[in-house]
Amino acid sequence: MEILTVKNNKLDYPTLKKVIFHFFPTFFTLFLIIAFCLSWITLFMNLSAGHVIYSVISVINLILICSQPRMLSKIIIKNRNKSLQTDEYIYDLVFYEDKLTTVVDSVENKASIKYTNIKNIIETKDVVLFTSKAGFKIYFEKKNASSEDIERLHAFFDKQNITWKKSIL
């Protein structure tokens, strides 16, 4: 039995850019933060010591670290467009009592995730992101669902013992 359908979700660069930070595993996110801090420290140490070449290397490191989320989101969109041969990837999320189904109209394809395989749900100010235990991620924009629908989903997933986190990002 169908509980809810969230229609017209779009996998595009601006939306993906909002949640790309959640696509990284926790250890990789921590690595990026530590590398960013160490690069800043190294930059200031080299600037104060007058080492121009090492300062330039530190700036290049900072640029590379900051560009990782952007590069990943562009790669995801490019691969998706290449595999589906379409620039616009619009899908519907259908919530049943036992599974979450993604329905893609442009390629007539369906994919289902059982709720027992969902690891957690992250809610940002614009997006609700579902993560499976295998690392698969799917999201819907909050503008495509009413606040009552989101509250109903929140209560439903609380009954399923799936953690629903609110993110500050």
Protein backbone atom coordinates (compact mmCIF):
# COMPACT_ATOMS: atom_id res chain seq x y z
CA MET A 1 0.00 0.00 0.00
CA GLU A 2 1.30 3.41 -0.96
CA ILE A 3 1.91 5.88 1.85
CA LEU A 4 3.18 8.90 -0.07
CA THR A 5 4.52 9.93 -3.48
CA VAL A 6 6.95 12.80 -3.89
CA LYS A 7 6.92 13.82 -7.54
CA ASN A 8 9.21 15.81 -9.83
CA ASN A 9 12.48 15.38 -7.98
CA LYS A 10 15.41 16.49 -10.05
CA LEU A 11 19.01 15.32 -9.98
CA ASP A 12 20.81 18.42 -11.15
CA TYR A 13 23.97 20.29 -10.24
CA PRO A 14 22.46 23.10 -8.08
CA THR A 15 20.50 20.66 -5.92
CA LEU A 16 23.32 18.15 -5.69
CA LYS A 17 25.67 20.95 -4.65
CA LYS A 18 23.48 21.53 -1.57
CA VAL A 19 23.90 17.97 -0.28
CA ILE A 20 27.22 16.84 -1.77
CA PHE A 21 28.94 17.17 1.61
CA HIS A 22 26.74 14.32 2.86
CA PHE A 23 27.88 12.08 -0.01
CA PHE A 24 31.35 11.79 1.51
CA PRO A 25 32.01 9.07 4.10
CA THR A 26 32.64 10.41 7.62
CA PHE A 27 36.35 9.52 7.65
CA PHE A 28 36.85 11.32 4.33
CA THR A 29 35.05 14.42 5.63
CA LEU A 30 37.27 14.41 8.72
CA PHE A 31 40.31 13.97 6.48
CA LEU A 32 39.28 17.00 4.40
CA ILE A 33 38.79 19.14 7.51
CA ILE A 34 42.13 18.09 9.01
CA ALA A 35 43.95 18.59 5.70
CA PHE A 36 42.34 22.02 5.32
CA CYS A 37 43.44 23.09 8.82
CA LEU A 38 46.96 21.75 8.34
CA SER A 39 47.26 23.54 5.01
CA TRP A 40 46.25 26.83 6.65
CA ILE A 41 48.78 26.32 9.44
CA THR A 42 51.49 25.44 6.92
CA LEU A 43 50.62 28.47 4.82
CA PHE A 44 50.95 30.87 7.75
CA MET A 45 54.17 29.23 8.95
CA ASN A 46 55.70 29.49 5.48
CA LEU A 47 54.56 33.07 5.02
CA SER A 48 56.05 34.10 8.37
CA ALA A 49 59.33 32.32 7.55
CA GLY A 50 59.45 33.87 4.07
CA HIS A 51 59.31 30.59 2.12
CA VAL A 52 57.52 31.63 -1.05
CA ILE A 53 57.59 28.26 -2.83
CA TYR A 54 56.17 26.39 0.15
CA SER A 55 53.51 29.07 0.54
CA VAL A 56 52.45 28.57 -3.08
CA ILE A 57 52.28 24.81 -2.52
CA SER A 58 50.09 25.39 0.56
CA VAL A 59 47.74 27.63 -1.43
CA ILE A 60 47.48 24.96 -4.15
CA ASN A 61 46.65 22.38 -1.46
CA LEU A 62 43.92 24.63 -0.06
CA ILE A 63 42.41 25.11 -3.52
CA LEU A 64 42.44 21.36 -4.21
CA ILE A 65 40.84 20.54 -0.85
CA CYS A 66 38.10 23.14 -1.30
CA SER A 67 37.33 21.95 -4.83
CA GLN A 68 36.73 18.29 -3.89
CA PRO A 69 32.95 18.55 -3.25
CA ARG A 70 32.41 20.58 -6.42
CA MET A 71 34.44 18.16 -8.54
CA LEU A 72 32.56 15.17 -7.12
CA SER A 73 29.15 16.69 -7.86
CA LYS A 74 30.20 17.51 -11.43
CA ILE A 75 31.49 13.96 -11.92
CA ILE A 76 28.23 12.47 -10.61
CA ILE A 77 26.12 14.63 -12.93
CA LYS A 78 28.41 13.94 -15.92
CA ASN A 79 28.29 10.16 -15.37
CA ARG A 80 24.52 10.22 -14.88
CA ASN A 81 24.00 12.22 -18.08
CA LYS A 82 26.30 9.91 -20.01
CA SER A 83 24.62 6.72 -18.79
CA LEU A 84 21.06 7.96 -19.32
CA GLN A 85 21.78 10.08 -22.42
CA THR A 86 19.68 12.87 -21.03
CA ASP A 87 20.47 16.17 -19.36
CA GLU A 88 17.42 16.15 -17.15
CA TYR A 89 16.99 13.35 -14.64
CA ILE A 90 13.55 13.63 -13.06
CA TYR A 91 12.26 10.93 -10.74
CA ASP A 92 9.45 10.24 -8.30
CA LEU A 93 9.91 8.71 -4.86
CA VAL A 94 7.10 6.39 -3.85
CA PHE A 95 6.94 5.37 -0.20
CA TYR A 96 5.24 2.03 0.43
CA GLU A 97 4.78 0.29 3.78
CA ASP A 98 7.87 -1.87 3.30
CA LYS A 99 10.05 -0.14 0.70
CA LEU A 100 11.05 3.10 -0.98
CA THR A 101 10.80 3.03 -4.78
CA THR A 102 12.42 5.41 -7.25
CA VAL A 103 10.47 5.75 -10.49
CA VAL A 104 12.23 7.37 -13.44
CA ASP A 105 9.88 8.29 -16.26
CA SER A 106 12.52 9.20 -18.83
CA VAL A 107 14.02 5.69 -18.92
CA GLU A 108 11.04 3.69 -17.61
CA ASN A 109 13.02 2.27 -14.73
CA LYS A 110 12.21 1.46 -11.10
CA ALA A 111 14.54 0.79 -8.19
CA SER A 112 13.46 -0.17 -4.68
CA ILE A 113 15.13 -0.05 -1.29
CA LYS A 114 13.63 -1.94 1.62
CA TYR A 115 13.38 0.12 4.78
CA THR A 116 15.54 -2.44 6.60
CA ASN A 117 18.37 -1.40 4.26
CA ILE A 118 18.10 2.32 5.00
CA LYS A 119 20.86 3.42 7.35
CA ASN A 120 19.78 6.98 8.13
CA ILE A 121 17.90 10.01 6.87
CA ILE A 122 19.38 13.49 6.89
CA GLU A 123 17.13 16.53 6.65
CA THR A 124 18.68 19.83 5.58
CA LYS A 125 16.85 23.11 5.09
CA ASP A 126 16.13 22.29 1.42
CA VAL A 127 16.53 18.52 1.00
CA VAL A 128 15.73 15.18 2.70
CA LEU A 129 18.52 12.68 1.96
CA PHE A 130 18.18 8.90 2.37
CA THR A 131 21.32 6.75 2.80
CA SER A 132 21.26 2.97 2.43
CA LYS A 133 23.58 0.61 4.27
CA ALA A 134 25.40 0.01 0.97
CA GLY A 135 26.07 3.74 0.55
CA PHE A 136 23.40 4.47 -2.07
CA LYS A 137 21.96 7.95 -1.63
CA ILE A 138 18.71 9.41 -2.91
CA TYR A 139 17.03 12.65 -1.97
CA PHE A 140 13.98 14.77 -2.52
CA GLU A 141 13.62 18.50 -2.29
CA LYS A 142 11.34 19.77 0.45
CA LYS A 143 9.55 22.05 -1.99
CA ASN A 144 8.14 18.93 -3.68
CA ALA A 145 6.39 17.76 -0.49
CA SER A 146 4.24 19.59 2.02
CA SER A 147 5.37 20.02 5.61
CA GLU A 148 2.58 17.65 6.70
CA ASP A 149 3.94 14.98 4.35
CA ILE A 150 7.43 15.41 5.77
CA GLU A 151 6.10 15.15 9.33
CA ARG A 152 4.18 12.02 8.37
CA LEU A 153 7.34 10.50 6.91
CA HIS A 154 9.27 11.48 10.03
CA ALA A 155 6.74 9.69 12.23
CA PHE A 156 6.69 6.68 9.91
CA PHE A 157 10.49 6.30 9.99
CA ASP A 158 10.53 6.74 13.76
CA LYS A 159 8.27 3.68 13.95
CA GLN A 160 10.71 1.85 11.65
CA ASN A 161 13.61 2.74 14.04
CA ILE A 162 15.52 4.60 11.32
CA THR A 163 17.42 7.63 12.55
CA TRP A 164 16.23 10.95 11.15
CA LYS A 165 18.86 13.65 11.67
CA LYS A 166 18.50 17.36 11.11
CA SER A 167 21.61 18.85 9.54
CA ILE A 168 22.90 22.38 9.91
CA LEU A 169 24.54 22.28 6.46
